[in-house]
Amino acid sequence: MELVVLGIGSNEGDSSAILSGAVKRLRGILTDLRVAPIFKTAPQGVADQPPFLNTAVCGFCTLTPQELLATVHRIEAAFGRDRTRERRWGERTLDIDILLFGQRVLSSRSLEIPHPRLRERTFALVPLLALLPKAADPCTGEPYAHILERLPDQNVKPLDCLE
């Protein structure tokens, strides 16, 4: 079993309920599941869309990375995501990204681990570090906390701090 970290986000529909439902389904896949706080985040890449709610989970997995990817895609689809009809970095009912899979480094046509844009995204790093404050990039060994310190403000706020 390997420790897996998944980033979860939603900005379409009842995002709080969707995140809750996704976590419930992930409990059946990951053992010893832990859930980060939820953060309200400004959209990245495509600005003309609602803000996202983002969190992360970590737990132990017996699936291969490809099996886990297929499983999270099925969960996304169950919550209404249709990858064929969405714009890149646009609105979505549910997005589940594999951020880390143990210390693996993997690059294939369908999957990159660690997530290829993890080092650029505070909305992914903040929840990840809430779960694993000492997590480090498996490619470089650099602590993600150091990477986060260098990133510009991307308007990631704890949900309980909303105006």
Protein backbone atom coordinates (compact mmCIF):
# COMPACT_ATOMS: atom_id res chain seq x y z
CA MET A 1 0.00 0.00 0.00
CA GLU A 2 1.18 3.48 -0.82
CA LEU A 3 0.19 6.85 0.60
CA VAL A 4 -1.78 8.77 -2.01
CA VAL A 5 -2.75 12.45 -1.99
CA LEU A 6 -5.69 13.59 -4.09
CA GLY A 7 -6.71 17.18 -4.76
CA ILE A 8 -10.46 17.73 -5.02
CA GLY A 9 -12.27 20.77 -6.37
CA SER A 10 -15.69 21.94 -7.51
CA ASN A 11 -17.22 25.20 -8.73
CA GLU A 12 -20.44 24.07 -10.39
CA GLY A 13 -23.57 22.88 -8.58
CA ASP A 14 -23.69 22.43 -4.80
CA SER A 15 -19.91 22.31 -4.41
CA SER A 16 -19.98 21.62 -0.65
CA ALA A 17 -22.28 18.63 -1.09
CA ILE A 18 -20.29 17.41 -4.09
CA LEU A 19 -17.00 17.53 -2.16
CA SER A 20 -18.66 15.72 0.73
CA GLY A 21 -20.04 13.04 -1.58
CA ALA A 22 -16.69 12.58 -3.29
CA VAL A 23 -14.92 12.14 0.05
CA LYS A 24 -17.52 9.56 1.06
CA ARG A 25 -16.82 7.55 -2.11
CA LEU A 26 -13.06 7.88 -1.64
CA ARG A 27 -13.38 6.34 1.82
CA GLY A 28 -14.16 3.08 0.01
CA ILE A 29 -10.90 3.27 -1.96
CA LEU A 30 -8.36 4.78 0.44
CA THR A 31 -7.78 3.38 3.91
CA ASP A 32 -6.99 5.64 6.87
CA LEU A 33 -8.44 8.53 4.86
CA ARG A 34 -7.72 12.03 6.17
CA VAL A 35 -9.40 15.16 4.82
CA ALA A 36 -7.94 18.67 4.68
CA PRO A 37 -10.01 21.77 5.41
CA ILE A 38 -11.97 23.27 2.53
CA PHE A 39 -10.67 26.43 0.89
CA LYS A 40 -12.42 28.92 -1.38
CA THR A 41 -10.10 29.71 -4.25
CA ALA A 42 -10.05 32.04 -7.20
CA PRO A 43 -10.12 30.22 -10.54
CA GLN A 44 -6.75 29.79 -12.23
CA GLY A 45 -6.23 29.80 -15.98
CA VAL A 46 -9.79 30.81 -16.91
CA ALA A 47 -10.95 33.79 -14.85
CA ASP A 48 -14.56 34.10 -16.09
CA GLN A 49 -16.04 31.40 -13.85
CA PRO A 50 -17.15 31.06 -10.22
CA PRO A 51 -14.61 30.49 -7.45
CA PHE A 52 -13.76 26.91 -6.53
CA LEU A 53 -14.02 25.01 -3.30
CA ASN A 54 -10.88 22.92 -2.91
CA THR A 55 -9.62 20.34 -0.46
CA ALA A 56 -7.32 17.33 -0.44
CA VAL A 57 -7.43 13.84 0.98
CA CYS A 58 -4.73 11.36 1.74
CA GLY A 59 -4.89 7.67 2.48
CA PHE A 60 -3.38 4.35 1.60
CA CYS A 61 -4.18 2.70 -1.71
CA THR A 62 -3.73 -0.79 -3.11
CA LEU A 63 -4.64 0.22 -6.68
CA THR A 64 -2.06 0.98 -9.34
CA PRO A 65 -1.83 4.64 -10.41
CA GLN A 66 -3.73 3.86 -13.65
CA GLU A 67 -6.46 1.99 -11.73
CA LEU A 68 -6.78 4.91 -9.33
CA LEU A 69 -7.03 7.35 -12.25
CA ALA A 70 -9.85 5.30 -13.83
CA THR A 71 -11.61 5.12 -10.45
CA VAL A 72 -11.47 8.88 -9.80
CA HIS A 73 -12.70 9.53 -13.35
CA ARG A 74 -15.73 7.32 -12.62
CA ILE A 75 -16.38 9.24 -9.40
CA GLU A 76 -16.14 12.56 -11.29
CA ALA A 77 -18.62 11.27 -13.89
CA ALA A 78 -21.02 10.12 -11.15
CA PHE A 79 -21.15 13.74 -9.99
CA GLY A 80 -21.93 15.04 -13.49
CA ARG A 81 -18.50 15.76 -14.94
CA ASP A 82 -18.35 15.31 -18.71
CA ARG A 83 -14.76 15.74 -19.85
CA THR A 84 -15.83 15.83 -23.52
CA ARG A 85 -17.97 18.96 -23.03
CA GLU A 86 -15.86 21.13 -20.74
CA ARG A 87 -13.31 23.80 -21.46
CA ARG A 88 -9.80 23.30 -20.17
CA TRP A 89 -9.46 24.77 -16.64
CA GLY A 90 -13.11 25.78 -16.80
CA GLU A 91 -16.12 25.08 -14.63
CA ARG A 92 -16.66 21.59 -13.31
CA THR A 93 -18.87 19.79 -10.88
CA LEU A 94 -15.96 17.72 -9.62
CA ASP A 95 -12.26 17.52 -10.32
CA ILE A 96 -10.09 14.91 -8.60
CA ASP A 97 -6.36 15.07 -9.30
CA ILE A 98 -3.75 12.57 -8.20
CA LEU A 99 -1.20 14.89 -6.62
CA LEU A 100 1.15 12.31 -5.12
CA PHE A 101 1.35 8.53 -5.19
CA GLY A 102 3.93 7.49 -2.62
CA GLN A 103 7.32 8.65 -3.84
CA ARG A 104 6.59 7.62 -7.40
CA VAL A 105 7.55 9.72 -10.38
CA LEU A 106 5.50 8.73 -13.40
CA SER A 107 5.03 10.29 -16.81
CA SER A 108 2.72 8.74 -19.38
CA ARG A 109 0.30 10.09 -21.93
CA SER A 110 -2.60 9.82 -19.51
CA LEU A 111 -1.00 10.43 -16.11
CA GLU A 112 1.84 12.39 -14.54
CA ILE A 113 2.85 11.97 -10.91
CA PRO A 114 3.50 14.19 -9.09
CA HIS A 115 0.78 16.29 -10.70
CA PRO A 116 2.55 18.39 -13.36
CA ARG A 117 1.24 21.75 -12.08
CA LEU A 118 1.34 21.03 -8.34
CA ARG A 119 4.37 23.30 -7.84
CA GLU A 120 2.41 26.26 -9.33
CA ARG A 121 -0.92 25.89 -7.55
CA THR A 122 -1.51 27.22 -4.07
CA PHE A 123 -5.05 25.78 -4.18
CA ALA A 124 -3.46 22.32 -4.31
CA LEU A 125 -0.43 22.94 -2.08
CA VAL A 126 -2.28 24.55 0.83
CA PRO A 127 -4.64 21.59 1.44
CA LEU A 128 -1.84 19.09 0.77
CA LEU A 129 0.35 20.76 3.38
CA ALA A 130 -2.55 20.84 5.85
CA LEU A 131 -2.44 17.04 5.69
CA LEU A 132 1.29 16.47 5.24
CA PRO A 133 3.25 19.54 6.39
CA LYS A 134 6.62 17.91 5.67
CA ALA A 135 5.72 16.66 2.18
CA ALA A 136 8.45 17.10 -0.41
CA ASP A 137 8.58 16.93 -4.18
CA PRO A 138 9.65 13.36 -5.04
CA CYS A 139 11.50 14.66 -8.11
CA THR A 140 13.72 17.19 -6.33
CA GLY A 141 13.33 16.52 -2.61
CA GLU A 142 12.40 20.17 -2.07
CA PRO A 143 9.77 20.64 0.64
CA TYR A 144 6.45 21.80 -0.77
CA ALA A 145 6.29 24.37 2.06
CA HIS A 146 9.33 26.10 0.54
CA ILE A 147 7.76 26.00 -2.92
CA LEU A 148 4.53 27.50 -1.54
CA GLU A 149 6.44 30.39 0.09
CA ARG A 150 7.73 31.50 -3.32
CA LEU A 151 4.35 31.50 -5.07
CA PRO A 152 2.36 34.70 -5.54
CA ASP A 153 -0.93 35.12 -3.69
CA GLN A 154 -3.59 33.15 -5.56
CA ASN A 155 -6.51 34.09 -3.28
CA VAL A 156 -6.85 30.82 -1.37
CA LYS A 157 -8.91 31.38 1.78
CA PRO A 158 -10.14 28.93 4.43
CA LEU A 159 -13.86 28.41 3.99
CA ASP A 160 -14.59 29.62 7.53
CA CYS A 161 -12.97 32.98 6.66
CA LEU A 162 -15.45 33.87 3.94
CA GLU A 163 -16.87 37.37 3.93
